[in-house]
Amino acid sequence: MAIRKGASYIRPLFITVTVILIGK
């Protein structure tokens, strides 16, 4: 999915996971 969709997929996933990591 990342290779096919590129930054439009990776960027929001990157931000989401990082925010969850902060909360954790």
PDB file of all heavy atoms in Angstrom:
ATOM      1  N   MET A   1       0.837  -1.207   0.000  1.00  0.00           N
ATOM      2  CA  MET A   1       0.000   0.000   0.000  1.00  0.00           C
ATOM      3  C   MET A   1       0.868   1.252   0.000  1.00  0.00           C
ATOM      4  O   MET A   1       0.578   2.226  -0.712  1.00  0.00           O
ATOM      5  CB  MET A   1      -0.918  -0.005   1.228  1.00  0.00           C
ATOM      6  CG  MET A   1      -2.058  -0.999   1.148  1.00  0.00           C
ATOM      7  SD  MET A   1      -3.081  -1.000   2.644  1.00  0.00           S
ATOM      8  CE  MET A   1      -3.784   0.643   2.578  1.00  0.00           C
ATOM      9  N   ALA A   2       1.959   1.238   0.783  1.00  0.00           N
ATOM     10  CA  ALA A   2       2.844   2.405   0.866  1.00  0.00           C
ATOM     11  C   ALA A   2       3.507   2.685  -0.475  1.00  0.00           C
ATOM     12  O   ALA A   2       3.582   3.841  -0.910  1.00  0.00           O
ATOM     13  CB  ALA A   2       3.900   2.164   1.941  1.00  0.00           C
ATOM     14  N   ILE A   3       3.986   1.640  -1.130  1.00  0.00           N
ATOM     15  CA  ILE A   3       4.675   1.804  -2.414  1.00  0.00           C
ATOM     16  C   ILE A   3       3.704   2.278  -3.483  1.00  0.00           C
ATOM     17  O   ILE A   3       4.036   3.128  -4.317  1.00  0.00           O
ATOM     18  CB  ILE A   3       5.352   0.471  -2.822  1.00  0.00           C
ATOM     19  CG1 ILE A   3       6.512   0.157  -1.848  1.00  0.00           C
ATOM     20  CG2 ILE A   3       5.859   0.535  -4.257  1.00  0.00           C
ATOM     21  CD1 ILE A   3       6.971  -1.279  -1.893  1.00  0.00           C
ATOM     22  N   ARG A   4       2.474   1.767  -3.445  1.00  0.00           N
ATOM     23  CA  ARG A   4       1.489   2.127  -4.458  1.00  0.00           C
ATOM     24  C   ARG A   4       0.940   3.540  -4.265  1.00  0.00           C
ATOM     25  O   ARG A   4       0.783   4.303  -5.220  1.00  0.00           O
ATOM     26  CB  ARG A   4       0.336   1.114  -4.448  1.00  0.00           C
ATOM     27  CG  ARG A   4      -0.653   1.317  -5.596  1.00  0.00           C
ATOM     28  CD  ARG A   4      -1.640   0.183  -5.703  1.00  0.00           C
ATOM     29  NE  ARG A   4      -2.560   0.130  -4.578  1.00  0.00           N
ATOM     30  CZ  ARG A   4      -2.578  -0.820  -3.640  1.00  0.00           C
ATOM     31  NH1 ARG A   4      -1.698  -1.810  -3.703  1.00  0.00           N
ATOM     32  NH2 ARG A   4      -3.442  -0.808  -2.660  1.00  0.00           N
ATOM     33  N   LYS A   5       0.653   3.924  -3.011  1.00  0.00           N
ATOM     34  CA  LYS A   5      -0.006   5.205  -2.746  1.00  0.00           C
ATOM     35  C   LYS A   5       0.962   6.337  -2.416  1.00  0.00           C
ATOM     36  O   LYS A   5       0.588   7.508  -2.463  1.00  0.00           O
ATOM     37  CB  LYS A   5      -1.016   5.036  -1.605  1.00  0.00           C
ATOM     38  CG  LYS A   5      -2.158   4.091  -1.951  1.00  0.00           C
ATOM     39  CD  LYS A   5      -3.210   4.105  -0.875  1.00  0.00           C
ATOM     40  CE  LYS A   5      -4.397   3.224  -1.255  1.00  0.00           C
ATOM     41  NZ  LYS A   5      -5.463   3.242  -0.235  1.00  0.00           N
ATOM     42  N   GLY A   6       2.189   6.005  -2.029  1.00  0.00           N
ATOM     43  CA  GLY A   6       3.201   7.026  -1.790  1.00  0.00           C
ATOM     44  C   GLY A   6       2.946   7.891  -0.575  1.00  0.00           C
ATOM     45  O   GLY A   6       2.375   7.459   0.425  1.00  0.00           O
ATOM     46  N   ALA A   7       3.357   9.174  -0.697  1.00  0.00           N
ATOM     47  CA  ALA A   7       3.304  10.101   0.440  1.00  0.00           C
ATOM     48  C   ALA A   7       1.887  10.303   0.959  1.00  0.00           C
ATOM     49  O   ALA A   7       1.691  10.555   2.156  1.00  0.00           O
ATOM     50  CB  ALA A   7       3.916  11.443   0.042  1.00  0.00           C
ATOM     51  N   SER A   8       0.882  10.202   0.098  1.00  0.00           N
ATOM     52  CA  SER A   8      -0.501  10.420   0.525  1.00  0.00           C
ATOM     53  C   SER A   8      -0.954   9.382   1.550  1.00  0.00           C
ATOM     54  O   SER A   8      -1.887   9.615   2.318  1.00  0.00           O
ATOM     55  CB  SER A   8      -1.445  10.393  -0.685  1.00  0.00           C
ATOM     56  OG  SER A   8      -1.427   9.104  -1.297  1.00  0.00           O
ATOM     57  N   TYR A   9      -0.288   8.220   1.554  1.00  0.00           N
ATOM     58  CA  TYR A   9      -0.576   7.165   2.537  1.00  0.00           C
ATOM     59  C   TYR A   9       0.406   7.217   3.704  1.00  0.00           C
ATOM     60  O   TYR A   9       0.016   7.133   4.865  1.00  0.00           O
ATOM     61  CB  TYR A   9      -0.492   5.796   1.853  1.00  0.00           C
ATOM     62  CG  TYR A   9      -0.567   4.607   2.785  1.00  0.00           C
ATOM     63  CD1 TYR A   9      -1.775   4.230   3.364  1.00  0.00           C
ATOM     64  CD2 TYR A   9       0.574   3.864   3.074  1.00  0.00           C
ATOM     65  CE1 TYR A   9      -1.837   3.134   4.218  1.00  0.00           C
ATOM     66  CE2 TYR A   9       0.512   2.768   3.916  1.00  0.00           C
ATOM     67  CZ  TYR A   9      -0.687   2.402   4.484  1.00  0.00           C
ATOM     68  OH  TYR A   9      -0.751   1.325   5.328  1.00  0.00           O
ATOM     69  N   ILE A  10       1.689   7.398   3.381  1.00  0.00           N
ATOM     70  CA  ILE A  10       2.714   7.317   4.422  1.00  0.00           C
ATOM     71  C   ILE A  10       2.671   8.511   5.360  1.00  0.00           C
ATOM     72  O   ILE A  10       2.786   8.356   6.582  1.00  0.00           O
ATOM     73  CB  ILE A  10       4.125   7.205   3.793  1.00  0.00           C
ATOM     74  CG1 ILE A  10       4.206   5.949   2.925  1.00  0.00           C
ATOM     75  CG2 ILE A  10       5.199   7.143   4.879  1.00  0.00           C
ATOM     76  CD1 ILE A  10       5.507   5.815   2.160  1.00  0.00           C
ATOM     77  N   ARG A  11       2.497   9.714   4.823  1.00  0.00           N
ATOM     78  CA  ARG A  11       2.518  10.921   5.662  1.00  0.00           C
ATOM     79  C   ARG A  11       1.484  10.890   6.786  1.00  0.00           C
ATOM     80  O   ARG A  11       1.826  11.064   7.955  1.00  0.00           O
ATOM     81  CB  ARG A  11       2.335  12.157   4.777  1.00  0.00           C
ATOM     82  CG  ARG A  11       2.367  13.473   5.539  1.00  0.00           C
ATOM     83  CD  ARG A  11       1.991  14.636   4.613  1.00  0.00           C
ATOM     84  NE  ARG A  11       1.868  15.866   5.349  1.00  0.00           N
ATOM     85  CZ  ARG A  11       2.872  16.710   5.558  1.00  0.00           C
ATOM     86  NH1 ARG A  11       4.061  16.452   5.073  1.00  0.00           N
ATOM     87  NH2 ARG A  11       2.688  17.820   6.247  1.00  0.00           N
ATOM     88  N   PRO A  12       0.167  10.681   6.478  1.00  0.00           N
ATOM     89  CA  PRO A  12      -0.811  10.642   7.580  1.00  0.00           C
ATOM     90  C   PRO A  12      -0.585   9.476   8.541  1.00  0.00           C
ATOM     91  O   PRO A  12      -0.816   9.620   9.755  1.00  0.00           O
ATOM     92  CB  PRO A  12      -2.167  10.518   6.861  1.00  0.00           C
ATOM     93  CG  PRO A  12      -1.855  10.093   5.466  1.00  0.00           C
ATOM     94  CD  PRO A  12      -0.490  10.598   5.163  1.00  0.00           C
ATOM     95  N   LEU A  13      -0.124   8.323   8.023  1.00  0.00           N
ATOM     96  CA  LEU A  13       0.159   7.187   8.905  1.00  0.00           C
ATOM     97  C   LEU A  13       1.341   7.515   9.816  1.00  0.00           C
ATOM     98  O   LEU A  13       1.321   7.206  11.012  1.00  0.00           O
ATOM     99  CB  LEU A  13       0.466   5.944   8.067  1.00  0.00           C
ATOM    100  CG  LEU A  13       0.688   4.636   8.845  1.00  0.00           C
ATOM    101  CD1 LEU A  13      -0.558   4.245   9.630  1.00  0.00           C
ATOM    102  CD2 LEU A  13       1.077   3.505   7.888  1.00  0.00           C
ATOM    103  N   PHE A  14       2.353   8.166   9.250  1.00  0.00           N
ATOM    104  CA  PHE A  14       3.528   8.583  10.019  1.00  0.00           C
ATOM    105  C   PHE A  14       3.120   9.516  11.163  1.00  0.00           C
ATOM    106  O   PHE A  14       3.521   9.332  12.324  1.00  0.00           O
ATOM    107  CB  PHE A  14       4.509   9.288   9.072  1.00  0.00           C
ATOM    108  CG  PHE A  14       5.700   9.917   9.739  1.00  0.00           C
ATOM    109  CD1 PHE A  14       6.747   9.139  10.203  1.00  0.00           C
ATOM    110  CD2 PHE A  14       5.781  11.296   9.892  1.00  0.00           C
ATOM    111  CE1 PHE A  14       7.859   9.720  10.807  1.00  0.00           C
ATOM    112  CE2 PHE A  14       6.883  11.882  10.490  1.00  0.00           C
ATOM    113  CZ  PHE A  14       7.919  11.095  10.944  1.00  0.00           C
ATOM    114  N   ILE A  15       2.300  10.521  10.851  1.00  0.00           N
ATOM    115  CA  ILE A  15       1.861  11.482  11.869  1.00  0.00           C
ATOM    116  C   ILE A  15       0.991  10.798  12.921  1.00  0.00           C
ATOM    117  O   ILE A  15       1.156  11.019  14.127  1.00  0.00           O
ATOM    118  CB  ILE A  15       1.102  12.658  11.205  1.00  0.00           C
ATOM    119  CG1 ILE A  15       2.071  13.488  10.348  1.00  0.00           C
ATOM    120  CG2 ILE A  15       0.425  13.534  12.257  1.00  0.00           C
ATOM    121  CD1 ILE A  15       1.399  14.523   9.469  1.00  0.00           C
ATOM    122  N   THR A  16       0.071   9.933  12.480  1.00  0.00           N
ATOM    123  CA  THR A  16      -0.831   9.242  13.408  1.00  0.00           C
ATOM    124  C   THR A  16      -0.061   8.374  14.400  1.00  0.00           C
ATOM    125  O   THR A  16      -0.283   8.436  15.615  1.00  0.00           O
ATOM    126  CB  THR A  16      -1.834   8.368  12.629  1.00  0.00           C
ATOM    127  OG1 THR A  16      -2.605   9.193  11.752  1.00  0.00           O
ATOM    128  CG2 THR A  16      -2.776   7.641  13.591  1.00  0.00           C
ATOM    129  N   VAL A  17       0.848   7.563  13.878  1.00  0.00           N
ATOM    130  CA  VAL A  17       1.625   6.666  14.749  1.00  0.00           C
ATOM    131  C   VAL A  17       2.500   7.467  15.705  1.00  0.00           C
ATOM    132  O   VAL A  17       2.620   7.126  16.887  1.00  0.00           O
ATOM    133  CB  VAL A  17       2.481   5.700  13.909  1.00  0.00           C
ATOM    134  CG1 VAL A  17       3.471   4.936  14.787  1.00  0.00           C
ATOM    135  CG2 VAL A  17       1.584   4.712  13.175  1.00  0.00           C
ATOM    136  N   THR A  18       3.081   8.559  15.218  1.00  0.00           N
ATOM    137  CA  THR A  18       3.934   9.383  16.074  1.00  0.00           C
ATOM    138  C   THR A  18       3.128  10.022  17.204  1.00  0.00           C
ATOM    139  O   THR A  18       3.573  10.064  18.351  1.00  0.00           O
ATOM    140  CB  THR A  18       4.653  10.468  15.250  1.00  0.00           C
ATOM    141  OG1 THR A  18       5.336   9.855  14.155  1.00  0.00           O
ATOM    142  CG2 THR A  18       5.664  11.213  16.088  1.00  0.00           C
ATOM    143  N   VAL A  19       1.918  10.497  16.893  1.00  0.00           N
ATOM    144  CA  VAL A  19       1.050  11.078  17.922  1.00  0.00           C
ATOM    145  C   VAL A  19       0.662  10.019  18.962  1.00  0.00           C
ATOM    146  O   VAL A  19       0.665  10.280  20.176  1.00  0.00           O
ATOM    147  CB  VAL A  19      -0.208  11.708  17.282  1.00  0.00           C
ATOM    148  CG1 VAL A  19      -1.246  12.057  18.347  1.00  0.00           C
ATOM    149  CG2 VAL A  19       0.167  12.953  16.492  1.00  0.00           C
ATOM    150  N   ILE A  20       0.334   8.812  18.496  1.00  0.00           N
ATOM    151  CA  ILE A  20      -0.012   7.726  19.425  1.00  0.00           C
ATOM    152  C   ILE A  20       1.182   7.375  20.305  1.00  0.00           C
ATOM    153  O   ILE A  20       1.041   7.130  21.512  1.00  0.00           O
ATOM    154  CB  ILE A  20      -0.506   6.487  18.649  1.00  0.00           C
ATOM    155  CG1 ILE A  20      -1.836   6.780  17.959  1.00  0.00           C
ATOM    156  CG2 ILE A  20      -0.678   5.288  19.604  1.00  0.00           C
ATOM    157  CD1 ILE A  20      -2.290   5.690  17.006  1.00  0.00           C
ATOM    158  N   LEU A  21       2.371   7.368  19.704  1.00  0.00           N
ATOM    159  CA  LEU A  21       3.594   7.106  20.483  1.00  0.00           C
ATOM    160  C   LEU A  21       3.788   8.159  21.573  1.00  0.00           C
ATOM    161  O   LEU A  21       4.172   7.831  22.701  1.00  0.00           O
ATOM    162  CB  LEU A  21       4.811   7.105  19.560  1.00  0.00           C
ATOM    163  CG  LEU A  21       5.127   5.785  18.853  1.00  0.00           C
ATOM    164  CD1 LEU A  21       6.100   6.031  17.707  1.00  0.00           C
ATOM    165  CD2 LEU A  21       5.714   4.776  19.830  1.00  0.00           C
ATOM    166  N   ILE A  22       3.512   9.422  21.229  1.00  0.00           N
ATOM    167  CA  ILE A  22       3.621  10.495  22.224  1.00  0.00           C
ATOM    168  C   ILE A  22       2.674  10.224  23.388  1.00  0.00           C
ATOM    169  O   ILE A  22       3.056  10.289  24.567  1.00  0.00           O
ATOM    170  CB  ILE A  22       3.308  11.870  21.593  1.00  0.00           C
ATOM    171  CG1 ILE A  22       4.393  12.244  20.577  1.00  0.00           C
ATOM    172  CG2 ILE A  22       3.185  12.950  22.666  1.00  0.00           C
ATOM    173  CD1 ILE A  22       4.025  13.419  19.692  1.00  0.00           C
ATOM    174  N   GLY A  23       1.418   9.914  23.057  1.00  0.00           N
ATOM    175  CA  GLY A  23       0.422   9.617  24.093  1.00  0.00           C
ATOM    176  C   GLY A  23       0.826   8.435  24.964  1.00  0.00           C
ATOM    177  O   GLY A  23       0.682   8.472  26.201  1.00  0.00           O
ATOM    178  N   LYS A  24       1.366   7.392  24.315  1.00  0.00           N
ATOM    179  CA  LYS A  24       1.790   6.199  25.051  1.00  0.00           C
ATOM    180  C   LYS A  24       2.938   6.525  26.002  1.00  0.00           C
ATOM    181  O   LYS A  24       2.941   6.078  27.165  1.00  0.00           O
ATOM    182  CB  LYS A  24       2.228   5.138  24.047  1.00  0.00           C
ATOM    183  CG  LYS A  24       2.855   3.876  24.646  1.00  0.00           C
ATOM    184  CD  LYS A  24       1.845   3.045  25.418  1.00  0.00           C
ATOM    185  CE  LYS A  24       2.353   1.640  25.713  1.00  0.00           C
ATOM    186  NZ  LYS A  24       3.660   1.581  26.384  1.00  0.00           N
TER     187      LYS A  24
END
